[in-house]
N, C-alpha and C. Protein backbone atom coordinates (compact mmCIF):
# COMPACT_ATOMS: atom_id res chain seq x y z
N UNK A 1 -64.54 -27.14 -14.83
CA UNK A 1 -63.13 -27.02 -14.51
C UNK A 1 -62.60 -25.72 -15.10
N UNK A 2 -61.93 -24.98 -14.26
CA UNK A 2 -61.31 -23.74 -14.70
C UNK A 2 -59.86 -24.01 -15.08
N UNK A 3 -59.39 -23.35 -16.13
CA UNK A 3 -58.01 -23.56 -16.58
C UNK A 3 -56.98 -23.10 -15.57
N UNK A 4 -57.38 -22.24 -14.62
CA UNK A 4 -56.40 -21.73 -13.66
C UNK A 4 -56.48 -22.41 -12.30
N UNK A 5 -57.25 -23.48 -12.18
CA UNK A 5 -57.33 -24.22 -10.92
C UNK A 5 -56.01 -24.93 -10.66
N UNK A 6 -55.45 -24.72 -9.48
CA UNK A 6 -54.19 -25.35 -9.09
C UNK A 6 -54.49 -26.51 -8.15
N UNK A 7 -53.85 -27.65 -8.41
CA UNK A 7 -54.00 -28.82 -7.56
C UNK A 7 -52.65 -29.21 -6.97
N UNK A 8 -52.68 -29.88 -5.84
CA UNK A 8 -51.46 -30.39 -5.20
C UNK A 8 -51.46 -31.91 -5.34
N UNK A 9 -50.36 -32.46 -5.84
CA UNK A 9 -50.25 -33.89 -6.08
C UNK A 9 -48.94 -34.41 -5.48
N UNK A 10 -49.04 -35.49 -4.73
CA UNK A 10 -47.84 -36.16 -4.20
C UNK A 10 -47.27 -37.03 -5.31
N UNK A 11 -46.00 -36.85 -5.63
CA UNK A 11 -45.37 -37.60 -6.73
C UNK A 11 -44.01 -38.14 -6.32
N UNK A 12 -43.56 -39.12 -7.08
CA UNK A 12 -42.20 -39.64 -6.95
C UNK A 12 -41.41 -39.13 -8.15
N UNK A 13 -40.23 -38.58 -7.92
CA UNK A 13 -39.39 -38.04 -8.98
C UNK A 13 -38.52 -39.15 -9.53
N UNK A 14 -38.63 -39.40 -10.83
CA UNK A 14 -37.86 -40.43 -11.50
C UNK A 14 -36.56 -39.85 -12.06
N UNK A 15 -36.67 -38.66 -12.65
CA UNK A 15 -35.53 -37.99 -13.27
C UNK A 15 -35.83 -36.50 -13.32
N UNK A 16 -34.82 -35.70 -13.58
CA UNK A 16 -35.05 -34.27 -13.72
C UNK A 16 -33.99 -33.62 -14.58
N UNK A 17 -34.39 -32.51 -15.18
CA UNK A 17 -33.48 -31.67 -15.94
C UNK A 17 -33.61 -30.26 -15.38
N UNK A 18 -32.93 -29.31 -15.99
CA UNK A 18 -33.06 -27.92 -15.55
C UNK A 18 -34.45 -27.36 -15.81
N UNK A 19 -35.20 -28.00 -16.71
CA UNK A 19 -36.50 -27.46 -17.12
C UNK A 19 -37.70 -28.32 -16.81
N UNK A 20 -37.50 -29.56 -16.37
CA UNK A 20 -38.66 -30.44 -16.16
C UNK A 20 -38.35 -31.55 -15.16
N UNK A 21 -39.43 -32.12 -14.61
CA UNK A 21 -39.34 -33.28 -13.73
C UNK A 21 -40.06 -34.44 -14.39
N UNK A 22 -39.47 -35.61 -14.33
CA UNK A 22 -40.13 -36.84 -14.77
C UNK A 22 -40.71 -37.46 -13.51
N UNK A 23 -42.05 -37.50 -13.41
CA UNK A 23 -42.70 -37.91 -12.17
C UNK A 23 -43.79 -38.94 -12.41
N UNK A 24 -44.14 -39.62 -11.34
CA UNK A 24 -45.29 -40.53 -11.35
C UNK A 24 -45.98 -40.42 -10.00
N UNK A 25 -47.29 -40.59 -10.00
CA UNK A 25 -48.04 -40.54 -8.75
C UNK A 25 -48.44 -41.94 -8.30
N UNK A 26 -48.15 -42.94 -9.15
CA UNK A 26 -48.61 -44.30 -8.89
C UNK A 26 -47.66 -45.28 -9.56
N UNK A 27 -47.32 -46.34 -8.88
CA UNK A 27 -46.42 -47.34 -9.46
C UNK A 27 -47.00 -48.01 -10.69
N UNK A 28 -48.31 -47.97 -10.85
CA UNK A 28 -48.98 -48.60 -11.98
C UNK A 28 -48.96 -47.73 -13.23
N UNK A 29 -48.67 -46.46 -13.08
CA UNK A 29 -48.71 -45.53 -14.22
C UNK A 29 -47.31 -45.24 -14.75
N UNK A 30 -47.25 -44.91 -16.02
CA UNK A 30 -45.99 -44.49 -16.62
C UNK A 30 -45.63 -43.10 -16.09
N UNK A 31 -44.35 -42.82 -16.02
CA UNK A 31 -43.89 -41.50 -15.60
C UNK A 31 -44.12 -40.50 -16.72
N UNK A 32 -44.36 -39.25 -16.35
CA UNK A 32 -44.62 -38.17 -17.30
C UNK A 32 -43.73 -36.98 -16.98
N UNK A 33 -43.29 -36.28 -18.03
CA UNK A 33 -42.51 -35.06 -17.86
C UNK A 33 -43.45 -33.90 -17.55
N UNK A 34 -43.11 -33.12 -16.54
CA UNK A 34 -43.86 -31.92 -16.17
C UNK A 34 -42.88 -30.75 -16.20
N UNK A 35 -43.14 -29.76 -17.05
CA UNK A 35 -42.24 -28.60 -17.12
C UNK A 35 -42.22 -27.83 -15.80
N UNK A 36 -41.05 -27.45 -15.35
CA UNK A 36 -40.94 -26.67 -14.11
C UNK A 36 -41.62 -25.31 -14.24
N UNK A 37 -41.78 -24.83 -15.47
CA UNK A 37 -42.45 -23.55 -15.68
C UNK A 37 -43.94 -23.63 -15.34
N UNK A 38 -44.49 -24.85 -15.27
CA UNK A 38 -45.91 -25.03 -14.97
C UNK A 38 -46.18 -25.46 -13.54
N UNK A 39 -45.14 -25.70 -12.75
CA UNK A 39 -45.39 -26.24 -11.42
C UNK A 39 -44.51 -25.59 -10.36
N UNK A 40 -44.91 -25.81 -9.13
CA UNK A 40 -44.13 -25.38 -7.98
C UNK A 40 -43.86 -26.62 -7.14
N UNK A 41 -42.61 -26.82 -6.75
CA UNK A 41 -42.20 -27.99 -5.98
C UNK A 41 -42.16 -27.63 -4.50
N UNK A 42 -42.75 -28.50 -3.68
CA UNK A 42 -42.79 -28.27 -2.24
C UNK A 42 -42.53 -29.58 -1.51
N UNK A 43 -42.03 -29.50 -0.31
CA UNK A 43 -41.81 -30.67 0.56
C UNK A 43 -40.98 -31.76 -0.12
N UNK A 44 -39.91 -31.35 -0.75
CA UNK A 44 -39.07 -32.32 -1.45
C UNK A 44 -38.28 -33.18 -0.47
N UNK A 45 -38.38 -34.48 -0.64
CA UNK A 45 -37.66 -35.45 0.19
C UNK A 45 -36.57 -36.08 -0.68
N UNK A 46 -35.33 -35.69 -0.46
CA UNK A 46 -34.21 -36.16 -1.28
C UNK A 46 -33.95 -37.65 -1.11
N UNK A 47 -34.25 -38.20 0.04
CA UNK A 47 -34.00 -39.62 0.29
C UNK A 47 -35.01 -40.49 -0.44
N UNK A 48 -36.28 -40.16 -0.33
CA UNK A 48 -37.34 -40.96 -0.97
C UNK A 48 -37.64 -40.51 -2.39
N UNK A 49 -37.03 -39.41 -2.83
CA UNK A 49 -37.29 -38.83 -4.16
C UNK A 49 -38.76 -38.52 -4.37
N UNK A 50 -39.38 -37.90 -3.37
CA UNK A 50 -40.78 -37.52 -3.47
C UNK A 50 -40.93 -36.02 -3.24
N UNK A 51 -42.08 -35.49 -3.66
CA UNK A 51 -42.39 -34.09 -3.41
C UNK A 51 -43.87 -33.86 -3.64
N UNK A 52 -44.31 -32.67 -3.28
CA UNK A 52 -45.65 -32.22 -3.61
C UNK A 52 -45.52 -31.25 -4.77
N UNK A 53 -46.25 -31.52 -5.84
CA UNK A 53 -46.27 -30.60 -6.99
C UNK A 53 -47.56 -29.81 -6.96
N UNK A 54 -47.46 -28.51 -7.12
CA UNK A 54 -48.62 -27.64 -7.30
C UNK A 54 -48.61 -27.26 -8.78
N UNK A 55 -49.65 -27.66 -9.50
CA UNK A 55 -49.69 -27.41 -10.93
C UNK A 55 -51.12 -27.25 -11.39
N UNK A 56 -51.32 -26.69 -12.61
CA UNK A 56 -52.67 -26.51 -13.12
C UNK A 56 -53.38 -27.87 -13.23
N UNK A 57 -54.66 -27.86 -12.90
CA UNK A 57 -55.44 -29.10 -12.94
C UNK A 57 -55.40 -29.76 -14.31
N UNK A 58 -55.46 -28.96 -15.39
CA UNK A 58 -55.46 -29.54 -16.74
C UNK A 58 -54.18 -30.31 -17.01
N UNK A 59 -53.03 -29.82 -16.50
CA UNK A 59 -51.76 -30.51 -16.71
C UNK A 59 -51.69 -31.78 -15.87
N UNK A 60 -52.20 -31.73 -14.65
CA UNK A 60 -52.22 -32.91 -13.79
C UNK A 60 -53.06 -34.02 -14.43
N UNK A 61 -54.18 -33.66 -15.01
CA UNK A 61 -55.04 -34.63 -15.70
C UNK A 61 -54.33 -35.16 -16.93
N UNK A 62 -53.77 -34.27 -17.73
CA UNK A 62 -53.07 -34.66 -18.96
C UNK A 62 -51.91 -35.62 -18.67
N UNK A 63 -51.21 -35.40 -17.56
CA UNK A 63 -50.06 -36.23 -17.19
C UNK A 63 -50.47 -37.49 -16.43
N UNK A 64 -51.77 -37.65 -16.17
CA UNK A 64 -52.24 -38.83 -15.45
C UNK A 64 -51.89 -38.83 -13.98
N UNK A 65 -51.72 -37.65 -13.40
CA UNK A 65 -51.34 -37.55 -12.00
C UNK A 65 -52.54 -37.50 -11.06
N UNK A 66 -53.71 -37.25 -11.59
CA UNK A 66 -54.95 -37.24 -10.78
C UNK A 66 -55.98 -38.13 -11.43
């Protein structure tokens, strides 16, 4: 695994601040904060509160998103 590998993960947004998103990829998992400085948000659905996050693989693993 390379530290600069970027992965795309479908997530549900629970909460957000100016600097981070509280997200979960699975109803069985606890939500985790992901700093906006580490990710790019794409395909945001305001109604369903979902989006695709592009973030480093190490952070996705650490947050339990993959």
